[in-house]
Amino acid sequence: MKLSDVIADFINSMLSDGDEVELQRSELAGRFNCAPSQINYVIETRFSPERGFYVESRRGGGGYIRIVRANVPASQMVMHAINGVGDSIDQPTAEAFIRNLYQAGAIGQESGRLLLALMGDKALAAAPQELRPQLRASLLKTALVALASAGT
């Protein structure tokens, strides 16, 4: 298991006690014998808004990182995802949105699988590489709007 996975699992276990955890970057780095930048990487990639988290950070001697699990009702999560996609999105970020929606119960397994298939480069192979992020965002938003109107 990679160090980033171990750190993420540790933070997730702390979050299992509640919806918020406050950490000190240097303390975590010391615990896992790594650079503070490794802690930053884990927080940026594993605890991002598209994964259902809000992160607040204060640097300095008394600095901290506060990670809050977003408690948005499943019915509203699809609309939040639509608003969060933007004009372009890369495949890993789109997949994170979809997995978060599925894990929260906002979309079903079948819808999730279909959306994941649509976000892949294989589905977008006819489009030039440089246009795929914009096309992916448009497809994802259109599909999510359809799901929201269908009540899925």
N, C-alpha and C. Protein backbone atom coordinates (compact mmCIF):
# COMPACT_ATOMS: atom_id res chain seq x y z
N MET A 1 0.85 -1.18 0.00
CA MET A 1 0.00 0.00 0.00
C MET A 1 0.90 1.24 0.00
N LYS A 2 0.55 2.21 -0.85
CA LYS A 2 1.34 3.43 -0.96
C LYS A 2 1.11 4.32 0.27
N LEU A 3 2.12 5.12 0.56
CA LEU A 3 2.05 6.02 1.71
C LEU A 3 0.83 6.94 1.62
N SER A 4 0.53 7.44 0.43
CA SER A 4 -0.61 8.33 0.29
C SER A 4 -1.91 7.61 0.65
N ASP A 5 -2.01 6.33 0.34
CA ASP A 5 -3.20 5.55 0.72
C ASP A 5 -3.28 5.39 2.24
N VAL A 6 -2.14 5.15 2.87
CA VAL A 6 -2.09 4.98 4.33
C VAL A 6 -2.52 6.28 5.02
N ILE A 7 -2.01 7.40 4.53
CA ILE A 7 -2.37 8.70 5.11
C ILE A 7 -3.86 8.98 4.92
N ALA A 8 -4.37 8.73 3.71
CA ALA A 8 -5.79 8.95 3.43
C ALA A 8 -6.66 8.06 4.31
N ASP A 9 -6.27 6.80 4.48
CA ASP A 9 -7.03 5.89 5.34
C ASP A 9 -7.04 6.39 6.79
N PHE A 10 -5.91 6.90 7.25
CA PHE A 10 -5.81 7.43 8.61
C PHE A 10 -6.77 8.61 8.78
N ILE A 11 -6.76 9.52 7.83
CA ILE A 11 -7.65 10.69 7.92
C ILE A 11 -9.11 10.25 7.84
N ASN A 12 -9.41 9.30 6.96
CA ASN A 12 -10.78 8.79 6.86
C ASN A 12 -11.23 8.14 8.17
N SER A 13 -10.32 7.43 8.83
CA SER A 13 -10.69 6.80 10.11
C SER A 13 -10.99 7.87 11.15
N MET A 14 -10.28 8.98 11.10
CA MET A 14 -10.57 10.09 12.02
C MET A 14 -11.92 10.72 11.69
N LEU A 15 -12.27 10.76 10.41
CA LEU A 15 -13.55 11.32 9.99
C LEU A 15 -14.71 10.39 10.32
N SER A 16 -14.44 9.12 10.54
CA SER A 16 -15.53 8.19 10.85
C SER A 16 -16.16 8.50 12.20
N ASP A 17 -15.46 9.25 13.05
CA ASP A 17 -16.01 9.65 14.35
C ASP A 17 -16.93 10.86 14.23
N GLY A 18 -16.89 11.54 13.11
CA GLY A 18 -17.71 12.73 12.91
C GLY A 18 -17.54 13.25 11.50
N ASP A 19 -18.10 14.41 11.24
CA ASP A 19 -18.05 14.98 9.90
C ASP A 19 -16.94 16.00 9.74
N GLU A 20 -16.10 16.17 10.77
CA GLU A 20 -15.06 17.18 10.71
C GLU A 20 -13.85 16.71 11.51
N VAL A 21 -12.67 17.03 10.99
CA VAL A 21 -11.44 16.72 11.71
C VAL A 21 -10.48 17.87 11.51
N GLU A 22 -9.75 18.19 12.57
CA GLU A 22 -8.74 19.24 12.50
C GLU A 22 -7.38 18.59 12.72
N LEU A 23 -6.46 18.84 11.79
CA LEU A 23 -5.15 18.21 11.82
C LEU A 23 -4.05 19.25 11.75
N GLN A 24 -2.87 18.86 12.19
CA GLN A 24 -1.69 19.71 12.01
C GLN A 24 -0.80 19.01 11.00
N ARG A 25 -0.47 19.72 9.94
CA ARG A 25 0.32 19.18 8.84
C ARG A 25 1.64 18.60 9.34
N SER A 26 2.34 19.35 10.17
CA SER A 26 3.66 18.91 10.64
C SER A 26 3.54 17.68 11.54
N GLU A 27 2.49 17.63 12.34
CA GLU A 27 2.26 16.47 13.21
C GLU A 27 2.01 15.20 12.38
N LEU A 28 1.19 15.33 11.34
CA LEU A 28 0.92 14.19 10.46
C LEU A 28 2.19 13.77 9.71
N ALA A 29 2.95 14.75 9.24
CA ALA A 29 4.19 14.44 8.53
C ALA A 29 5.15 13.69 9.44
N GLY A 30 5.23 14.10 10.70
CA GLY A 30 6.09 13.41 11.66
C GLY A 30 5.59 12.00 11.93
N ARG A 31 4.30 11.84 12.05
CA ARG A 31 3.71 10.52 12.32
C ARG A 31 4.02 9.53 11.20
N PHE A 32 3.97 10.01 9.95
CA PHE A 32 4.18 9.14 8.80
C PHE A 32 5.58 9.26 8.21
N ASN A 33 6.44 10.02 8.89
CA ASN A 33 7.83 10.19 8.46
C ASN A 33 7.92 10.60 6.98
N CYS A 34 7.23 11.68 6.66
CA CYS A 34 7.22 12.17 5.29
C CYS A 34 7.28 13.69 5.31
N ALA A 35 7.42 14.28 4.15
CA ALA A 35 7.45 15.74 4.03
C ALA A 35 6.02 16.29 4.15
N PRO A 36 5.86 17.48 4.70
CA PRO A 36 4.53 18.09 4.77
C PRO A 36 3.86 18.21 3.39
N SER A 37 4.66 18.31 2.34
CA SER A 37 4.08 18.39 0.99
C SER A 37 3.33 17.10 0.64
N GLN A 38 3.74 15.96 1.20
CA GLN A 38 3.03 14.69 0.97
C GLN A 38 1.64 14.76 1.60
N ILE A 39 1.55 15.39 2.76
CA ILE A 39 0.25 15.58 3.42
C ILE A 39 -0.63 16.48 2.55
N ASN A 40 -0.03 17.56 2.03
CA ASN A 40 -0.78 18.45 1.13
C ASN A 40 -1.31 17.69 -0.08
N TYR A 41 -0.47 16.86 -0.68
CA TYR A 41 -0.87 16.08 -1.85
C TYR A 41 -2.07 15.20 -1.53
N VAL A 42 -2.03 14.50 -0.42
CA VAL A 42 -3.13 13.60 -0.04
C VAL A 42 -4.41 14.40 0.15
N ILE A 43 -4.31 15.52 0.84
CA ILE A 43 -5.50 16.33 1.10
C ILE A 43 -6.07 16.89 -0.20
N GLU A 44 -5.21 17.38 -1.09
CA GLU A 44 -5.68 17.95 -2.35
C GLU A 44 -6.31 16.91 -3.26
N THR A 45 -5.79 15.68 -3.25
CA THR A 45 -6.28 14.67 -4.18
C THR A 45 -7.38 13.79 -3.61
N ARG A 46 -7.41 13.60 -2.30
CA ARG A 46 -8.38 12.67 -1.70
C ARG A 46 -9.52 13.35 -0.96
N PHE A 47 -9.36 14.62 -0.64
CA PHE A 47 -10.36 15.31 0.17
C PHE A 47 -10.80 16.61 -0.51
N SER A 48 -11.06 16.53 -1.79
CA SER A 48 -11.43 17.68 -2.60
C SER A 48 -12.95 17.86 -2.63
N PRO A 49 -13.43 19.01 -3.08
CA PRO A 49 -14.88 19.24 -3.16
C PRO A 49 -15.61 18.20 -4.02
N GLU A 50 -14.99 17.77 -5.13
CA GLU A 50 -15.67 16.79 -5.96
C GLU A 50 -15.78 15.42 -5.29
N ARG A 51 -15.02 15.23 -4.24
CA ARG A 51 -15.12 13.99 -3.45
C ARG A 51 -15.99 14.19 -2.21
N GLY A 52 -16.58 15.38 -2.08
CA GLY A 52 -17.52 15.62 -1.00
C GLY A 52 -16.93 16.22 0.26
N PHE A 53 -15.82 16.95 0.13
CA PHE A 53 -15.17 17.53 1.30
C PHE A 53 -14.89 19.01 1.08
N TYR A 54 -14.85 19.73 2.19
CA TYR A 54 -14.38 21.11 2.20
C TYR A 54 -13.12 21.13 3.06
N VAL A 55 -12.11 21.85 2.61
CA VAL A 55 -10.86 21.92 3.34
C VAL A 55 -10.55 23.37 3.65
N GLU A 56 -10.24 23.63 4.89
CA GLU A 56 -9.83 24.96 5.34
C GLU A 56 -8.43 24.80 5.90
N SER A 57 -7.55 25.72 5.56
CA SER A 57 -6.17 25.59 5.99
C SER A 57 -5.65 26.92 6.50
N ARG A 58 -4.89 26.84 7.59
CA ARG A 58 -4.22 28.03 8.11
C ARG A 58 -2.76 27.64 8.31
N ARG A 59 -1.88 28.40 7.71
CA ARG A 59 -0.45 28.11 7.81
C ARG A 59 0.17 28.85 8.99
N GLY A 60 1.37 28.44 9.33
CA GLY A 60 2.10 29.10 10.41
C GLY A 60 2.24 28.19 11.61
N GLY A 61 2.83 28.73 12.68
CA GLY A 61 3.12 27.95 13.88
C GLY A 61 1.90 27.27 14.48
N GLY A 62 0.79 27.96 14.56
CA GLY A 62 -0.44 27.38 15.10
C GLY A 62 -1.38 26.94 14.01
N GLY A 63 -0.82 26.71 12.84
CA GLY A 63 -1.64 26.38 11.68
C GLY A 63 -2.32 25.02 11.80
N TYR A 64 -3.33 24.84 11.01
CA TYR A 64 -4.09 23.60 11.03
C TYR A 64 -4.71 23.36 9.66
N ILE A 65 -5.22 22.18 9.51
CA ILE A 65 -6.02 21.82 8.34
C ILE A 65 -7.32 21.27 8.90
N ARG A 66 -8.42 21.84 8.49
CA ARG A 66 -9.74 21.35 8.90
C ARG A 66 -10.39 20.73 7.66
N ILE A 67 -10.78 19.48 7.80
CA ILE A 67 -11.46 18.76 6.72
C ILE A 67 -12.88 18.50 7.18
N VAL A 68 -13.83 18.93 6.36
CA VAL A 68 -15.24 18.78 6.70
C VAL A 68 -15.92 17.98 5.59
N ARG A 69 -16.61 16.92 6.00
CA ARG A 69 -17.39 16.14 5.04
C ARG A 69 -18.68 16.92 4.75
N ALA A 70 -18.93 17.16 3.48
CA ALA A 70 -20.13 17.91 3.08
C ALA A 70 -21.36 17.04 3.32
N ASN A 71 -22.30 17.57 4.06
CA ASN A 71 -23.54 16.83 4.33
C ASN A 71 -24.66 17.43 3.51
N VAL A 72 -24.59 17.16 2.23
CA VAL A 72 -25.61 17.65 1.31
C VAL A 72 -26.57 16.50 1.04
N PRO A 73 -27.87 16.73 1.14
CA PRO A 73 -28.81 15.66 0.83
C PRO A 73 -28.58 15.12 -0.59
N ALA A 74 -28.74 13.82 -0.76
CA ALA A 74 -28.49 13.17 -2.05
C ALA A 74 -29.26 13.86 -3.17
N SER A 75 -30.47 14.31 -2.88
CA SER A 75 -31.29 14.95 -3.91
C SER A 75 -30.65 16.25 -4.44
N GLN A 76 -29.87 16.92 -3.60
CA GLN A 76 -29.24 18.17 -4.01
C GLN A 76 -27.83 17.97 -4.56
N MET A 77 -27.27 16.80 -4.32
CA MET A 77 -25.89 16.55 -4.74
C MET A 77 -25.72 16.61 -6.25
N VAL A 78 -26.71 16.13 -7.00
CA VAL A 78 -26.60 16.15 -8.45
C VAL A 78 -26.51 17.59 -8.95
N MET A 79 -27.34 18.46 -8.39
CA MET A 79 -27.30 19.87 -8.81
C MET A 79 -25.97 20.52 -8.41
N HIS A 80 -25.44 20.18 -7.25
CA HIS A 80 -24.14 20.71 -6.84
C HIS A 80 -23.04 20.22 -7.79
N ALA A 81 -23.15 18.97 -8.21
CA ALA A 81 -22.16 18.42 -9.15
C ALA A 81 -22.25 19.15 -10.49
N ILE A 82 -23.45 19.38 -10.97
CA ILE A 82 -23.63 20.09 -12.25
C ILE A 82 -22.97 21.46 -12.18
N ASN A 83 -23.20 22.16 -11.08
CA ASN A 83 -22.61 23.50 -10.91
C ASN A 83 -21.11 23.45 -10.71
N GLY A 84 -20.59 22.34 -10.21
CA GLY A 84 -19.17 22.23 -9.93
C GLY A 84 -18.31 21.76 -11.09
N VAL A 85 -18.93 21.26 -12.14
CA VAL A 85 -18.17 20.70 -13.26
C VAL A 85 -17.38 21.75 -14.02
N GLY A 86 -17.97 22.89 -14.29
CA GLY A 86 -17.27 23.93 -15.04
C GLY A 86 -17.32 23.69 -16.54
N ASP A 87 -16.45 24.40 -17.28
CA ASP A 87 -16.45 24.33 -18.74
C ASP A 87 -15.60 23.20 -19.28
N SER A 88 -14.70 22.66 -18.47
CA SER A 88 -13.88 21.53 -18.89
C SER A 88 -13.54 20.71 -17.66
N ILE A 89 -13.31 19.42 -17.89
CA ILE A 89 -13.01 18.53 -16.76
C ILE A 89 -12.18 17.37 -17.27
N ASP A 90 -11.17 16.99 -16.50
CA ASP A 90 -10.37 15.84 -16.91
C ASP A 90 -11.06 14.55 -16.46
N GLN A 91 -10.62 13.44 -17.00
CA GLN A 91 -11.28 12.17 -16.73
C GLN A 91 -11.24 11.79 -15.24
N PRO A 92 -10.10 11.87 -14.56
CA PRO A 92 -10.10 11.48 -13.13
C PRO A 92 -11.04 12.33 -12.27
N THR A 93 -11.14 13.61 -12.57
CA THR A 93 -12.02 14.47 -11.79
C THR A 93 -13.48 14.14 -12.07
N ALA A 94 -13.81 13.89 -13.33
CA ALA A 94 -15.17 13.49 -13.69
C ALA A 94 -15.54 12.19 -12.99
N GLU A 95 -14.61 11.25 -12.98
CA GLU A 95 -14.86 9.96 -12.31
C GLU A 95 -15.05 10.15 -10.81
N ALA A 96 -14.31 11.06 -10.22
CA ALA A 96 -14.46 11.34 -8.78
C ALA A 96 -15.85 11.91 -8.49
N PHE A 97 -16.33 12.82 -9.33
CA PHE A 97 -17.69 13.35 -9.17
C PHE A 97 -18.70 12.21 -9.21
N ILE A 98 -18.58 11.35 -10.19
CA ILE A 98 -19.54 10.26 -10.39
C ILE A 98 -19.50 9.29 -9.21
N ARG A 99 -18.32 8.90 -8.79
CA ARG A 99 -18.21 7.96 -7.66
C ARG A 99 -18.77 8.57 -6.38
N ASN A 100 -18.53 9.85 -6.17
CA ASN A 100 -19.07 10.53 -5.00
C ASN A 100 -20.60 10.54 -5.04
N LEU A 101 -21.16 10.80 -6.19
CA LEU A 101 -22.62 10.80 -6.33
C LEU A 101 -23.19 9.41 -6.07
N TYR A 102 -22.51 8.38 -6.57
CA TYR A 102 -22.97 7.01 -6.36
C TYR A 102 -22.87 6.63 -4.88
N GLN A 103 -21.72 6.92 -4.26
CA GLN A 103 -21.53 6.56 -2.86
C GLN A 103 -22.51 7.26 -1.94
N ALA A 104 -22.95 8.44 -2.32
CA ALA A 104 -23.91 9.19 -1.52
C ALA A 104 -25.35 8.77 -1.81
N GLY A 105 -25.54 7.90 -2.80
CA GLY A 105 -26.88 7.45 -3.13
C GLY A 105 -27.64 8.41 -4.03
N ALA A 106 -26.94 9.40 -4.60
CA ALA A 106 -27.61 10.38 -5.46
C ALA A 106 -27.89 9.82 -6.86
N ILE A 107 -27.11 8.83 -7.28
CA ILE A 107 -27.36 8.14 -8.54
C ILE A 107 -27.22 6.64 -8.29
N GLY A 108 -27.88 5.86 -9.14
CA GLY A 108 -27.83 4.41 -9.00
C GLY A 108 -26.58 3.82 -9.64
N GLN A 109 -26.38 2.53 -9.39
CA GLN A 109 -25.20 1.84 -9.91
C GLN A 109 -25.18 1.83 -11.44
N GLU A 110 -26.33 1.57 -12.04
CA GLU A 110 -26.39 1.52 -13.50
C GLU A 110 -26.08 2.89 -14.11
N SER A 111 -26.65 3.93 -13.55
CA SER A 111 -26.37 5.29 -14.03
C SER A 111 -24.90 5.63 -13.85
N GLY A 112 -24.35 5.25 -12.71
CA GLY A 112 -22.94 5.50 -12.44
C GLY A 112 -22.03 4.82 -13.44
N ARG A 113 -22.31 3.57 -13.73
CA ARG A 113 -21.50 2.83 -14.71
C ARG A 113 -21.59 3.47 -16.10
N LEU A 114 -22.78 3.86 -16.48
CA LEU A 114 -22.96 4.49 -17.79
C LEU A 114 -22.20 5.81 -17.86
N LEU A 115 -22.29 6.61 -16.81
CA LEU A 115 -21.57 7.88 -16.78
C LEU A 115 -20.06 7.67 -16.83
N LEU A 116 -19.56 6.69 -16.09
CA LEU A 116 -18.12 6.39 -16.11
C LEU A 116 -17.67 6.01 -17.52
N ALA A 117 -18.48 5.22 -18.20
CA ALA A 117 -18.14 4.82 -19.57
C ALA A 117 -18.11 6.03 -20.50
N LEU A 118 -19.05 6.96 -20.33
CA LEU A 118 -19.10 8.16 -21.17
C LEU A 118 -17.92 9.09 -20.98
N MET A 119 -17.31 9.06 -19.79
CA MET A 119 -16.22 9.98 -19.47
C MET A 119 -14.86 9.50 -19.98
N GLY A 120 -14.77 8.26 -20.40
CA GLY A 120 -13.50 7.70 -20.82
C GLY A 120 -13.05 8.16 -22.20
N ASP A 121 -11.74 8.06 -22.44
CA ASP A 121 -11.18 8.44 -23.73
C ASP A 121 -11.69 7.55 -24.85
N LYS A 122 -12.06 6.32 -24.54
CA LYS A 122 -12.59 5.42 -25.57
C LYS A 122 -13.91 5.97 -26.13
N ALA A 123 -14.76 6.48 -25.25
CA ALA A 123 -16.04 7.05 -25.69
C ALA A 123 -15.83 8.36 -26.44
N LEU A 124 -14.74 9.05 -26.15
CA LEU A 124 -14.49 10.35 -26.76
C LEU A 124 -13.42 10.28 -27.86
N ALA A 125 -13.14 9.08 -28.33
CA ALA A 125 -12.04 8.86 -29.28
C ALA A 125 -12.19 9.66 -30.58
N ALA A 126 -13.41 9.95 -31.00
CA ALA A 126 -13.61 10.69 -32.25
C ALA A 126 -13.25 12.17 -32.11
N ALA A 127 -13.17 12.65 -30.88
CA ALA A 127 -12.85 14.06 -30.66
C ALA A 127 -11.35 14.24 -30.49
N PRO A 128 -10.79 15.34 -30.98
CA PRO A 128 -9.37 15.60 -30.78
C PRO A 128 -9.05 15.67 -29.28
N GLN A 129 -7.88 15.22 -28.91
CA GLN A 129 -7.45 15.16 -27.50
C GLN A 129 -7.66 16.48 -26.77
N GLU A 130 -7.34 17.60 -27.43
CA GLU A 130 -7.42 18.90 -26.76
C GLU A 130 -8.85 19.36 -26.52
N LEU A 131 -9.84 18.78 -27.20
CA LEU A 131 -11.24 19.15 -27.01
C LEU A 131 -11.97 18.24 -26.02
N ARG A 132 -11.35 17.15 -25.64
CA ARG A 132 -12.02 16.17 -24.78
C ARG A 132 -12.43 16.72 -23.41
N PRO A 133 -11.62 17.54 -22.75
CA PRO A 133 -12.08 18.07 -21.45
C PRO A 133 -13.36 18.89 -21.56
N GLN A 134 -13.49 19.70 -22.63
CA GLN A 134 -14.70 20.50 -22.81
C GLN A 134 -15.89 19.60 -23.16
N LEU A 135 -15.66 18.63 -24.02
CA LEU A 135 -16.72 17.71 -24.42
C LEU A 135 -17.15 16.86 -23.22
N ARG A 136 -16.19 16.40 -22.45
CA ARG A 136 -16.48 15.61 -21.25
C ARG A 136 -17.36 16.41 -20.27
N ALA A 137 -17.02 17.68 -20.06
CA ALA A 137 -17.81 18.53 -19.16
C ALA A 137 -19.23 18.70 -19.68
N SER A 138 -19.36 18.95 -20.96
CA SER A 138 -20.69 19.12 -21.55
C SER A 138 -21.53 17.85 -21.44
N LEU A 139 -20.92 16.71 -21.74
CA LEU A 139 -21.64 15.44 -21.63
C LEU A 139 -22.05 15.14 -20.19
N LEU A 140 -21.13 15.37 -19.26
CA LEU A 140 -21.42 15.09 -17.86
C LEU A 140 -22.56 15.97 -17.36
N LYS A 141 -22.50 17.26 -17.65
CA LYS A 141 -23.56 18.16 -17.19
C LYS A 141 -24.90 17.80 -17.83
N THR A 142 -24.90 17.49 -19.12
CA THR A 142 -26.14 17.12 -19.80
C THR A 142 -26.74 15.85 -19.21
N ALA A 143 -25.89 14.85 -18.97
CA ALA A 143 -26.37 13.59 -18.40
C ALA A 143 -26.88 13.79 -16.98
N LEU A 144 -26.19 14.60 -16.19
CA LEU A 144 -26.63 14.84 -14.81
C LEU A 144 -27.95 15.61 -14.76
N VAL A 145 -28.13 16.56 -15.70
CA VAL A 145 -29.40 17.28 -15.76
C VAL A 145 -30.53 16.30 -16.09
N ALA A 146 -30.28 15.38 -17.03
CA ALA A 146 -31.29 14.38 -17.38
C ALA A 146 -31.61 13.48 -16.18
N LEU A 147 -30.58 13.09 -15.45
CA LEU A 147 -30.80 12.25 -14.26
C LEU A 147 -31.57 13.01 -13.18
N ALA A 148 -31.22 14.28 -13.00
CA ALA A 148 -31.92 15.09 -11.99
C ALA A 148 -33.39 15.26 -12.33
N SER A 149 -33.69 15.44 -13.63
CA SER A 149 -35.09 15.61 -14.02
C SER A 149 -35.86 14.31 -13.93
N ALA A 150 -35.15 13.19 -14.06
CA ALA A 150 -35.81 11.88 -13.98
C ALA A 150 -35.95 11.44 -12.52
N GLY A 151 -35.28 12.17 -11.61
CA GLY A 151 -35.36 11.82 -10.20
C GLY A 151 -34.49 10.63 -9.83
N THR A 152 -33.44 10.35 -10.63
CA THR A 152 -32.58 9.19 -10.36
C THR A 152 -31.48 9.58 -9.43
